[in-house]
């Protein structure tokens, strides 16, 4: 196919179909796991994103080798792998606990989860229209806005680092072939760190924003080292560490935006945040940084990422405060619910 507009249309279709998976998966996690375990489970799910990025690099390299550099064969290989995974998911997935004859997670865990306004998040079905849910549960939810903007800022850092590794590292003396492999290594190295941070957020009884704030501070330290160091060994180590410090908060904010709304609005909250991630975060990290670097050098890239990190830090301070209040409300509501159950029994 050589028609530019057809190729563009197919690329948009691929992007839309890829994006459909995340809201569905995140909704299932909310429905099947209690809040006290959800950070670890969500982190394991989110780390598959990083593992998949590394496998993608490996598959492309392998297909290029096996099929003598045929671009068509590379795309077909990726399509076959994706089709196998999608088929497996279709066969083993289940919609909700209730459809399998099980109690809802709210009833099973005994935990009460609340929004900022004190509304229970347990309801997984609603008779409200999509527009009504979008307006009242998403647009009028300050937590959703704050988390979405944090996600956008960290996405700028993610793509501002990852997308430009093959172009930036050769200016530090790296070979082009090693720089390309470091893109995959940057992704893969994040997997254990993402899972660890998700588990820590569970150990801290749901303090996702606090964990993200700590990661943000570490991320800034790594960025400064990444842009100022002249040692290839130091830069490589920083990339390993920075992968976890970027992807852990990205995973946790995905969970935070879902825990901020009723279960029936999880798909919309994920889509709303994804809009900010890709339309603003990724675009600024690729198009904007590319133009600025062309005019002002790599120092401009550093400034953009520092500003994005500063925005994420300020918003996370606000979210730590709100998170503390919501967790306190949930603890009181859970204690009251358990007391009522004991009295009735």
Protein backbone atom coordinates (compact mmCIF):
# COMPACT_ATOMS: atom_id res chain seq x y z
CA UNK A 1 0.00 0.00 0.00
CA UNK A 2 1.49 3.36 -1.06
CA UNK A 3 -1.43 5.75 -0.64
CA UNK A 4 -0.50 8.16 2.14
CA UNK A 5 -4.07 8.86 3.24
CA UNK A 6 -4.99 5.18 3.40
CA UNK A 7 -1.89 4.49 5.50
CA UNK A 8 -2.76 7.42 7.78
CA UNK A 9 -6.32 6.14 8.17
CA UNK A 10 -5.09 2.65 9.00
CA UNK A 11 -2.65 4.05 11.56
CA UNK A 12 -5.47 5.95 13.25
CA UNK A 13 -7.60 2.79 13.24
CA UNK A 14 -4.75 0.83 14.83
CA UNK A 15 -4.39 3.52 17.51
CA UNK A 16 -8.13 3.46 18.27
CA UNK A 17 -8.30 -0.33 18.53
CA UNK A 18 -5.17 -0.44 20.70
CA UNK A 19 -6.63 2.17 23.04
CA UNK A 20 -9.78 0.11 23.59
CA UNK A 21 -7.93 -2.48 25.64
CA UNK A 22 -6.80 -0.32 28.55
CA UNK A 23 -10.22 0.85 29.85
CA UNK A 24 -11.59 -2.70 29.67
CA UNK A 25 -8.64 -4.16 31.57
CA UNK A 26 -8.66 -1.41 34.20
CA UNK A 27 -12.39 -1.85 34.77
CA UNK A 28 -11.88 -5.57 35.34
CA UNK A 29 -9.12 -4.93 37.88
CA UNK A 30 -11.41 -2.59 39.81
CA UNK A 31 -14.22 -5.14 39.78
CA UNK A 32 -12.19 -8.23 40.65
CA UNK A 33 -9.69 -6.97 43.25
CA UNK A 34 -10.05 -5.14 46.57
CA UNK A 35 -8.31 -1.81 47.12
CA UNK A 36 -5.82 -3.32 49.57
CA UNK A 37 -4.45 -5.60 46.82
CA UNK A 38 -5.16 -3.47 43.79
CA UNK A 39 -1.86 -1.55 43.71
CA UNK A 40 0.16 -4.73 43.25
CA UNK A 41 -2.25 -6.26 40.74
CA UNK A 42 -2.51 -3.05 38.73
CA UNK A 43 1.28 -2.69 38.72
CA UNK A 44 1.71 -6.23 37.38
CA UNK A 45 -0.81 -5.46 34.63
CA UNK A 46 0.82 -2.11 33.83
CA UNK A 47 4.31 -3.64 33.72
CA UNK A 48 3.16 -5.80 30.82
CA UNK A 49 3.20 -2.55 28.84
CA UNK A 50 6.93 -2.27 29.44
CA UNK A 51 7.62 -5.93 28.84
CA UNK A 52 5.62 -5.71 25.63
CA UNK A 53 7.66 -2.72 24.46
CA UNK A 54 10.86 -4.72 24.92
CA UNK A 55 9.37 -7.78 23.20
CA UNK A 56 8.28 -5.48 20.37
CA UNK A 57 11.85 -4.31 19.84
CA UNK A 58 13.08 -7.91 19.97
CA UNK A 59 10.37 -9.13 17.54
CA UNK A 60 11.17 -6.38 15.06
CA UNK A 61 14.87 -7.18 15.21
CA UNK A 62 14.22 -10.92 14.88
CA UNK A 63 11.72 -10.52 12.03
CA UNK A 64 14.09 -8.16 10.23
CA UNK A 65 16.84 -10.80 10.49
CA UNK A 66 14.65 -13.77 9.52
CA UNK A 67 12.89 -12.08 6.60
CA UNK A 68 15.83 -10.15 5.15
CA UNK A 69 14.59 -6.74 6.24
CA UNK A 70 11.09 -7.09 4.76
CA UNK A 71 8.93 -4.37 6.32
CA UNK A 72 5.76 -6.29 5.38
CA UNK A 73 7.02 -9.38 7.22
CA UNK A 74 7.80 -7.28 10.29
CA UNK A 75 4.22 -5.98 10.45
CA UNK A 76 2.78 -9.46 9.82
CA UNK A 77 4.88 -10.92 12.65
CA UNK A 78 3.62 -8.29 15.08
CA UNK A 79 0.04 -8.89 13.92
CA UNK A 80 0.25 -12.65 14.47
CA UNK A 81 1.66 -12.22 17.99
CA UNK A 82 -1.10 -9.70 18.82
CA UNK A 83 -3.82 -11.96 17.42
CA UNK A 84 -2.65 -14.91 19.54
CA UNK A 85 -2.68 -12.81 22.73
CA UNK A 86 -6.10 -11.30 21.93
CA UNK A 87 -7.58 -14.76 21.30
CA UNK A 88 -6.24 -16.06 24.61
CA UNK A 89 -7.75 -13.09 26.47
CA UNK A 90 -11.11 -13.64 24.80
CA UNK A 91 -11.17 -17.25 25.95
CA UNK A 92 -10.12 -16.80 29.59
CA UNK A 93 -11.65 -13.44 30.59
CA UNK A 94 -14.77 -13.02 32.73
CA UNK A 95 -16.82 -9.83 32.90
CA UNK A 96 -17.79 -9.35 36.56
CA UNK A 97 -17.81 -11.50 39.72
CA UNK A 98 -21.62 -11.45 39.75
CA UNK A 99 -21.80 -13.00 36.26
CA UNK A 100 -19.77 -15.95 37.60
CA UNK A 101 -22.06 -16.41 40.60
CA UNK A 102 -19.71 -14.64 43.03
CA UNK A 103 -20.39 -11.71 45.38
CA UNK A 104 -19.28 -8.24 44.34
CA UNK A 105 -15.85 -7.17 45.55
CA UNK A 106 -17.40 -4.54 47.85
CA UNK A 107 -19.42 -7.25 49.63
CA UNK A 108 -16.58 -9.77 49.67
CA UNK A 109 -13.84 -7.44 50.99
CA UNK A 110 -16.00 -5.48 53.45
CA UNK A 111 -14.11 -2.32 52.43
CA UNK A 112 -15.89 0.95 51.68
CA UNK A 113 -14.41 3.00 48.83
CA UNK A 114 -15.44 6.62 48.44
CA UNK A 115 -15.01 9.47 45.99
CA UNK A 116 -13.88 12.94 47.07
CA UNK A 117 -17.50 13.89 47.79
CA UNK A 118 -18.09 10.82 49.96
CA UNK A 119 -20.01 8.88 47.31
CA UNK A 120 -19.50 5.10 47.24
CA UNK A 121 -17.61 3.76 44.22
CA UNK A 122 -19.02 0.22 44.53
CA UNK A 123 -21.82 0.60 41.95
CA UNK A 124 -20.63 -1.02 38.71
CA UNK A 125 -23.78 -0.45 36.64
CA UNK A 126 -25.74 2.77 36.11
CA UNK A 127 -28.90 3.89 34.35
CA UNK A 128 -27.45 7.36 33.75
CA UNK A 129 -26.55 8.34 30.20
CA UNK A 130 -22.92 8.36 29.06
CA UNK A 131 -23.02 12.15 28.82
CA UNK A 132 -24.39 12.49 32.35
CA UNK A 133 -21.66 10.21 33.71
CA UNK A 134 -19.01 12.12 31.77
CA UNK A 135 -20.17 15.51 33.07
CA UNK A 136 -20.93 14.65 36.70
CA UNK A 137 -18.38 11.92 37.46
CA UNK A 138 -15.50 13.04 35.23
CA UNK A 139 -15.59 16.73 34.30
CA UNK A 140 -16.80 17.87 37.74
CA UNK A 141 -14.33 15.65 39.60
CA UNK A 142 -11.27 17.64 40.72
CA UNK A 143 -9.30 14.49 41.52
CA UNK A 144 -9.76 13.23 37.97
CA UNK A 145 -8.48 16.52 36.56
CA UNK A 146 -5.45 16.61 38.86
CA UNK A 147 -4.52 12.98 38.18
CA UNK A 148 -4.98 13.45 34.41
CA UNK A 149 -2.66 16.48 34.41
CA UNK A 150 -0.07 14.58 36.46
CA UNK A 151 -0.27 11.76 33.94
CA UNK A 152 0.13 14.23 31.05
CA UNK A 153 3.23 15.76 32.65
CA UNK A 154 4.87 12.40 33.32
CA UNK A 155 4.01 11.24 29.80
CA UNK A 156 5.96 14.24 28.54
CA UNK A 157 8.94 13.02 30.55
CA UNK A 158 8.45 9.45 29.36
CA UNK A 159 8.37 10.25 25.67
CA UNK A 160 10.82 13.11 26.09
CA UNK A 161 13.36 10.55 27.26
CA UNK A 162 12.37 7.38 25.40
CA UNK A 163 11.63 8.85 21.95
CA UNK A 164 14.91 10.73 21.83
CA UNK A 165 17.30 8.10 23.22
CA UNK A 166 18.51 7.07 19.73
CA UNK A 167 19.20 10.72 18.82
CA UNK A 168 20.48 12.03 22.16
CA UNK A 169 22.81 9.27 23.36
CA UNK A 170 25.12 9.40 20.30
CA UNK A 171 25.91 13.00 21.36
CA UNK A 172 27.26 11.41 24.58
CA UNK A 173 29.45 8.96 22.66
CA UNK A 174 27.09 5.97 22.46
CA UNK A 175 26.95 3.93 19.25
CA UNK A 176 23.68 4.19 17.32
CA UNK A 177 23.00 0.44 17.54
CA UNK A 178 23.50 0.38 21.34
CA UNK A 179 21.35 3.50 21.73
CA UNK A 180 18.48 1.74 19.91
CA UNK A 181 18.71 -1.28 22.21
CA UNK A 182 18.70 1.02 25.22
CA UNK A 183 15.14 2.04 24.27
CA UNK A 184 13.99 -1.53 24.90
CA UNK A 185 16.17 -1.88 27.99
CA UNK A 186 14.74 1.39 29.36
CA UNK A 187 11.27 -0.15 29.06
CA UNK A 188 12.15 -3.60 30.40
CA UNK A 189 14.13 -2.30 33.37
CA UNK A 190 10.99 -0.62 34.69
CA UNK A 191 9.09 -3.89 35.25
CA UNK A 192 10.42 -4.86 38.71
CA UNK A 193 10.33 -1.24 39.90
CA UNK A 194 6.72 -0.74 38.80
CA UNK A 195 5.59 -3.91 40.60
CA UNK A 196 7.57 -2.95 43.72
CA UNK A 197 6.04 0.54 43.86
CA UNK A 198 2.55 -0.88 43.38
CA UNK A 199 3.14 -3.27 46.28
CA UNK A 200 4.47 -0.43 48.43
CA UNK A 201 1.30 1.58 47.76
CA UNK A 202 -0.68 -1.38 49.10
CA UNK A 203 1.55 -1.65 52.17
CA UNK A 204 0.90 2.06 52.78
CA UNK A 205 -2.86 1.29 52.72
CA UNK A 206 -3.59 2.92 49.36
CA UNK A 207 -1.27 5.93 49.54
CA UNK A 208 -0.74 5.97 45.76
CA UNK A 209 -0.12 9.71 45.51
CA UNK A 210 2.54 9.58 48.21
CA UNK A 211 4.43 6.85 46.36
CA UNK A 212 4.13 8.85 43.12
CA UNK A 213 5.49 11.94 44.86
CA UNK A 214 8.57 10.02 46.02
CA UNK A 215 9.09 8.66 42.49
CA UNK A 216 8.76 12.17 41.07
CA UNK A 217 11.56 13.48 43.29
CA UNK A 218 13.80 10.59 42.26
CA UNK A 219 12.88 11.14 38.61
CA UNK A 220 14.03 14.78 38.75
CA UNK A 221 17.38 13.71 40.24
CA UNK A 222 17.81 11.16 37.43
CA UNK A 223 16.89 13.69 34.75
CA UNK A 224 19.51 16.14 36.01
CA UNK A 225 22.14 13.39 35.96
CA UNK A 226 21.00 12.16 32.53
CA UNK A 227 21.44 15.57 30.94
CA UNK A 228 24.61 16.67 32.75
CA UNK A 229 26.72 13.52 33.10
CA UNK A 230 29.42 12.68 30.54
CA UNK A 231 29.94 9.11 31.80
CA UNK A 232 28.33 6.46 29.62
CA UNK A 233 28.20 4.03 32.55
CA UNK A 234 26.41 6.57 34.75
CA UNK A 235 23.94 7.47 31.99
CA UNK A 236 23.16 3.78 31.38
CA UNK A 237 22.54 3.15 35.10
CA UNK A 238 20.39 6.28 35.34
CA UNK A 239 18.27 5.06 32.42
CA UNK A 240 17.70 1.76 34.24
CA UNK A 241 16.62 3.54 37.42
CA UNK A 242 14.65 6.25 35.66
CA UNK A 243 12.53 3.66 33.86
CA UNK A 244 11.03 2.58 37.19
CA UNK A 245 10.67 6.13 38.50
CA UNK A 246 8.73 7.18 35.39
CA UNK A 247 6.58 4.11 34.79
CA UNK A 248 5.66 3.45 38.44
CA UNK A 249 3.77 6.75 38.83
CA UNK A 250 2.29 6.30 35.35
CA UNK A 251 0.90 2.96 36.48
CA UNK A 252 -0.34 4.29 39.81
CA UNK A 253 -2.05 7.37 38.37
CA UNK A 254 -3.95 5.02 36.09
CA UNK A 255 -5.22 3.30 39.21
CA UNK A 256 -5.82 6.59 41.06
CA UNK A 257 -8.06 7.99 38.33
CA UNK A 258 -10.17 4.83 38.47
CA UNK A 259 -10.43 4.81 42.25
CA UNK A 260 -11.61 8.43 42.13
CA UNK A 261 -14.85 7.53 40.32
CA UNK A 262 -17.66 4.97 40.70
CA UNK A 263 -16.92 1.63 39.03
CA UNK A 264 -19.41 2.34 36.25
CA UNK A 265 -17.31 5.37 35.20
CA UNK A 266 -13.91 3.62 35.16
CA UNK A 267 -13.84 3.28 31.37
CA UNK A 268 -14.57 6.97 30.89
CA UNK A 269 -12.01 8.06 33.48
CA UNK A 270 -9.35 5.97 31.76
CA UNK A 271 -10.23 7.43 28.36
CA UNK A 272 -10.27 10.97 29.73
CA UNK A 273 -6.80 10.58 31.20
CA UNK A 274 -5.56 8.86 28.06
CA UNK A 275 -6.64 11.88 26.02
CA UNK A 276 -4.32 14.10 28.04
CA UNK A 277 -1.53 11.53 27.93
CA UNK A 278 -1.36 11.13 24.20
CA UNK A 279 -2.85 14.29 22.68
CA UNK A 280 -0.90 16.66 24.93
CA UNK A 281 1.81 14.66 26.70
CA UNK A 282 3.16 12.61 23.81
CA UNK A 283 2.69 15.40 21.25
CA UNK A 284 4.62 17.90 23.37
CA UNK A 285 7.37 15.36 24.02
CA UNK A 286 7.86 14.54 20.35
CA UNK A 287 6.83 17.42 18.11
CA UNK A 288 7.57 20.29 20.52
CA UNK A 289 10.87 18.91 21.80
CA UNK A 290 11.94 18.04 18.26
CA UNK A 291 11.38 21.61 17.07
CA UNK A 292 13.05 23.17 20.11
CA UNK A 293 16.08 20.88 19.93
CA UNK A 294 16.49 21.79 16.27
CA UNK A 295 16.66 25.48 17.16
CA UNK A 296 18.25 25.57 20.62
CA UNK A 297 19.94 22.21 21.18
CA UNK A 298 19.39 19.50 23.78
CA UNK A 299 19.29 22.01 26.61
CA UNK A 300 15.79 22.94 25.45
CA UNK A 301 14.69 19.32 25.89
CA UNK A 302 16.00 19.35 29.46
CA UNK A 303 14.08 22.54 30.27
CA UNK A 304 10.79 21.11 28.95
CA UNK A 305 11.19 17.94 31.01
CA UNK A 306 12.13 19.88 34.14
CA UNK A 307 9.01 22.04 33.77
CA UNK A 308 6.83 18.94 33.25
CA UNK A 309 8.36 17.33 36.35
CA UNK A 310 7.70 20.49 38.37
CA UNK A 311 4.04 20.51 37.31
CA UNK A 312 3.70 16.84 38.28
CA UNK A 313 5.31 17.53 41.67
CA UNK A 314 2.95 20.39 42.54
CA UNK A 315 -0.13 18.44 41.53
CA UNK A 316 1.03 15.39 43.49
CA UNK A 317 1.43 17.49 46.63
CA UNK A 318 -2.24 18.47 46.22
CA UNK A 319 -3.22 14.83 45.61
CA UNK A 320 -1.33 13.61 48.70
CA UNK A 321 -3.43 16.01 50.77
CA UNK A 322 -6.71 14.93 49.13
CA UNK A 323 -5.76 11.27 49.34
CA UNK A 324 -5.20 11.51 53.09
CA UNK A 325 -8.68 12.97 53.59
CA UNK A 326 -10.38 10.34 51.40
CA UNK A 327 -8.59 7.43 53.10
CA UNK A 328 -9.66 8.79 56.49
CA UNK A 329 -13.29 8.95 55.31
CA UNK A 330 -13.07 5.39 53.96
CA UNK A 331 -11.60 4.10 57.22
CA UNK A 332 -14.47 5.62 59.22
CA UNK A 333 -17.08 4.31 56.79
CA UNK A 334 -15.57 0.81 56.79
CA UNK A 335 -15.45 0.71 60.60
CA UNK A 336 -19.09 1.82 60.76
CA UNK A 337 -20.14 -0.80 58.21
CA UNK A 338 -18.35 -3.57 60.11
CA UNK A 339 -19.93 -2.42 63.37
CA UNK A 340 -23.40 -2.55 61.81
CA UNK A 341 -22.74 -6.04 60.45
CA UNK A 342 -21.65 -7.26 63.87
CA UNK A 343 -24.76 -5.79 65.48
CA UNK A 344 -27.05 -7.40 62.88
CA UNK A 345 -25.38 -10.78 63.28
